[in-house]
Amino acid sequence: MDISQIMEMAGQLRGQMMEAQATSGSERHTGEAGGGLVKVVMSGRYEVLEVHIDPKALEASDRVLLEDLMRAAFNQATSKVGAGIQTRLLDFAQKMGLDPALLGGLSGRQL
């Protein structure tokens, strides 16, 4: 591989990384808990976009339960964002003809 090929590959890499960053900001991942009593929506950049608490969850007046539901919803949304990042990285590696193992073995574990 000569220097011009390396430079071309670097340019492609930069373009695809910029595209991935733009895409991640527009993604929406929802985490739910308590059968939908609490919902959290995050962007692909881990930004919390929305938090919904069903009035039924407030009627119970059990603060500890509500806190647990919120924690579970946030954790689920976070896991979904991580899975989306993992998918993008693996797709990126495949497009570039790279071995996914070069990305830290993402193919075998979740972020």
C-alpha atoms as a PDB file:
ATOM      1  CA  MET A   1       0.000   0.000   0.000  1.00  0.00           C
ATOM      2  CA  ASP A   2       1.510   3.345  -0.990  1.00  0.00           C
ATOM      3  CA  ILE A   3       1.100   6.731   0.681  1.00  0.00           C
ATOM      4  CA  SER A   4      -1.631   7.888  -1.724  1.00  0.00           C
ATOM      5  CA  GLN A   5      -3.761   4.858  -0.839  1.00  0.00           C
ATOM      6  CA  ILE A   6      -3.226   5.509   2.872  1.00  0.00           C
ATOM      7  CA  MET A   7      -4.212   9.160   2.432  1.00  0.00           C
ATOM      8  CA  GLU A   8      -7.314   8.170   0.462  1.00  0.00           C
ATOM      9  CA  MET A   9      -8.299   5.692   3.173  1.00  0.00           C
ATOM     10  CA  ALA A  10      -7.762   8.371   5.843  1.00  0.00           C
ATOM     11  CA  GLY A  11     -10.077  10.726   3.943  1.00  0.00           C
ATOM     12  CA  GLN A  12     -12.756   8.050   3.711  1.00  0.00           C
ATOM     13  CA  LEU A  13     -12.338   7.330   7.398  1.00  0.00           C
ATOM     14  CA  ARG A  14     -12.776  10.993   8.294  1.00  0.00           C
ATOM     15  CA  GLY A  15     -15.910  11.316   6.159  1.00  0.00           C
ATOM     16  CA  GLN A  16     -17.500   8.221   7.619  1.00  0.00           C
ATOM     17  CA  MET A  17     -16.696   9.316  11.173  1.00  0.00           C
ATOM     18  CA  MET A  18     -18.326  12.710  10.562  1.00  0.00           C
ATOM     19  CA  GLU A  19     -21.384  10.987   9.119  1.00  0.00           C
ATOM     20  CA  ALA A  20     -21.577   8.644  12.133  1.00  0.00           C
ATOM     21  CA  GLN A  21     -21.414  11.586  14.553  1.00  0.00           C
ATOM     22  CA  ALA A  22     -24.219  13.396  12.739  1.00  0.00           C
ATOM     23  CA  THR A  23     -26.347  10.254  12.665  1.00  0.00           C
ATOM     24  CA  SER A  24     -25.852   9.477  16.343  1.00  0.00           C
ATOM     25  CA  GLY A  25     -27.244  12.845  17.381  1.00  0.00           C
ATOM     26  CA  SER A  26     -30.516  12.190  15.581  1.00  0.00           C
ATOM     27  CA  GLU A  27     -31.022   8.655  16.886  1.00  0.00           C
ATOM     28  CA  ARG A  28     -33.591   8.043  19.613  1.00  0.00           C
ATOM     29  CA  HIS A  29     -33.372   5.118  22.042  1.00  0.00           C
ATOM     30  CA  THR A  30     -36.129   4.459  24.565  1.00  0.00           C
ATOM     31  CA  GLY A  31     -35.771   2.686  27.880  1.00  0.00           C
ATOM     32  CA  GLU A  32     -38.850   1.602  29.825  1.00  0.00           C
ATOM     33  CA  ALA A  33     -39.547   0.212  33.272  1.00  0.00           C
ATOM     34  CA  GLY A  34     -42.578  -0.886  35.226  1.00  0.00           C
ATOM     35  CA  GLY A  35     -44.501  -1.902  32.135  1.00  0.00           C
ATOM     36  CA  GLY A  36     -44.101   1.565  30.659  1.00  0.00           C
ATOM     37  CA  LEU A  37     -44.760   3.547  33.837  1.00  0.00           C
ATOM     38  CA  VAL A  38     -41.407   5.265  33.340  1.00  0.00           C
ATOM     39  CA  LYS A  39     -39.850   5.963  29.929  1.00  0.00           C
ATOM     40  CA  VAL A  40     -36.556   7.638  29.092  1.00  0.00           C
ATOM     41  CA  VAL A  41     -35.555   8.708  25.571  1.00  0.00           C
ATOM     42  CA  MET A  42     -31.866   9.279  24.804  1.00  0.00           C
ATOM     43  CA  SER A  43     -30.014  10.387  21.702  1.00  0.00           C
ATOM     44  CA  GLY A  44     -27.195   8.315  20.279  1.00  0.00           C
ATOM     45  CA  ARG A  45     -24.879  10.697  22.115  1.00  0.00           C
ATOM     46  CA  TYR A  46     -26.281   9.741  25.536  1.00  0.00           C
ATOM     47  CA  GLU A  47     -28.222  12.996  25.833  1.00  0.00           C
ATOM     48  CA  VAL A  48     -31.512  12.633  27.705  1.00  0.00           C
ATOM     49  CA  LEU A  49     -34.214  13.985  25.406  1.00  0.00           C
ATOM     50  CA  GLU A  50     -37.370  13.032  27.279  1.00  0.00           C
ATOM     51  CA  VAL A  51     -38.476  11.584  30.600  1.00  0.00           C
ATOM     52  CA  HIS A  52     -42.067  10.367  30.963  1.00  0.00           C
ATOM     53  CA  ILE A  53     -43.597   9.299  34.265  1.00  0.00           C
ATOM     54  CA  ASP A  54     -47.094   7.865  34.133  1.00  0.00           C
ATOM     55  CA  PRO A  55     -49.358   9.488  36.755  1.00  0.00           C
ATOM     56  CA  LYS A  56     -50.081   5.983  38.094  1.00  0.00           C
ATOM     57  CA  ALA A  57     -46.457   5.765  39.223  1.00  0.00           C
ATOM     58  CA  LEU A  58     -46.936   8.947  41.241  1.00  0.00           C
ATOM     59  CA  GLU A  59     -50.156   7.744  42.862  1.00  0.00           C
ATOM     60  CA  ALA A  60     -48.348   4.913  44.584  1.00  0.00           C
ATOM     61  CA  SER A  61     -46.400   7.524  46.595  1.00  0.00           C
ATOM     62  CA  ASP A  62     -43.550   5.053  46.937  1.00  0.00           C
ATOM     63  CA  ARG A  63     -40.500   7.184  46.235  1.00  0.00           C
ATOM     64  CA  VAL A  64     -38.088   4.240  46.384  1.00  0.00           C
ATOM     65  CA  LEU A  65     -40.108   2.311  43.790  1.00  0.00           C
ATOM     66  CA  LEU A  66     -40.234   5.337  41.474  1.00  0.00           C
ATOM     67  CA  GLU A  67     -36.476   5.825  41.843  1.00  0.00           C
ATOM     68  CA  ASP A  68     -35.898   2.152  40.977  1.00  0.00           C
ATOM     69  CA  LEU A  69     -38.128   2.442  37.909  1.00  0.00           C
ATOM     70  CA  MET A  70     -36.296   5.550  36.746  1.00  0.00           C
ATOM     71  CA  ARG A  71     -32.905   3.914  37.252  1.00  0.00           C
ATOM     72  CA  ALA A  72     -34.016   0.854  35.287  1.00  0.00           C
ATOM     73  CA  ALA A  73     -35.384   2.981  32.419  1.00  0.00           C
ATOM     74  CA  PHE A  74     -32.163   5.038  32.232  1.00  0.00           C
ATOM     75  CA  ASN A  75     -30.032   1.887  32.270  1.00  0.00           C
ATOM     76  CA  GLN A  76     -32.084   0.289  29.508  1.00  0.00           C
ATOM     77  CA  ALA A  77     -31.842   3.402  27.316  1.00  0.00           C
ATOM     78  CA  THR A  78     -28.091   3.586  27.953  1.00  0.00           C
ATOM     79  CA  SER A  79     -27.681  -0.059  26.920  1.00  0.00           C
ATOM     80  CA  LYS A  80     -29.571   0.602  23.692  1.00  0.00           C
ATOM     81  CA  VAL A  81     -27.342   3.582  22.876  1.00  0.00           C
ATOM     82  CA  GLY A  82     -24.265   1.408  23.485  1.00  0.00           C
ATOM     83  CA  ALA A  83     -25.620  -1.312  21.222  1.00  0.00           C
ATOM     84  CA  GLY A  84     -26.208   1.282  18.496  1.00  0.00           C
ATOM     85  CA  ILE A  85     -22.631   2.520  18.799  1.00  0.00           C
ATOM     86  CA  GLN A  86     -21.347  -1.036  18.661  1.00  0.00           C
ATOM     87  CA  THR A  87     -23.349  -1.728  15.504  1.00  0.00           C
ATOM     88  CA  ARG A  88     -22.043   1.449  13.823  1.00  0.00           C
ATOM     89  CA  LEU A  89     -18.444   0.577  14.706  1.00  0.00           C
ATOM     90  CA  LEU A  90     -18.771  -2.955  13.368  1.00  0.00           C
ATOM     91  CA  ASP A  91     -20.432  -1.692  10.170  1.00  0.00           C
ATOM     92  CA  PHE A  92     -17.680   0.874   9.808  1.00  0.00           C
ATOM     93  CA  ALA A  93     -14.981  -1.786  10.204  1.00  0.00           C
ATOM     94  CA  GLN A  94     -16.683  -3.952   7.601  1.00  0.00           C
ATOM     95  CA  LYS A  95     -16.957  -1.072   5.099  1.00  0.00           C
ATOM     96  CA  MET A  96     -13.269  -0.291   5.562  1.00  0.00           C
ATOM     97  CA  GLY A  97     -12.329  -3.952   5.184  1.00  0.00           C
ATOM     98  CA  LEU A  98     -10.947  -4.036   8.726  1.00  0.00           C
ATOM     99  CA  ASP A  99     -10.971  -6.946  11.149  1.00  0.00           C
ATOM    100  CA  PRO A 100     -13.504  -6.113  13.926  1.00  0.00           C
ATOM    101  CA  ALA A 101     -10.948  -7.447  16.416  1.00  0.00           C
ATOM    102  CA  LEU A 102      -8.959  -4.269  15.722  1.00  0.00           C
ATOM    103  CA  LEU A 103     -11.767  -2.345  17.423  1.00  0.00           C
ATOM    104  CA  GLY A 104     -11.211  -4.065  20.734  1.00  0.00           C
ATOM    105  CA  GLY A 105     -13.222  -7.204  20.121  1.00  0.00           C
ATOM    106  CA  LEU A 106     -16.595  -5.449  19.982  1.00  0.00           C
ATOM    107  CA  SER A 107     -18.104  -8.311  18.041  1.00  0.00           C
ATOM    108  CA  GLY A 108     -18.050 -10.475  21.151  1.00  0.00           C
ATOM    109  CA  ARG A 109     -19.253  -8.022  23.783  1.00  0.00           C
ATOM    110  CA  GLN A 110     -21.603  -5.145  24.316  1.00  0.00           C
ATOM    111  CA  LEU A 111     -20.438  -1.651  25.213  1.00  0.00           C
END
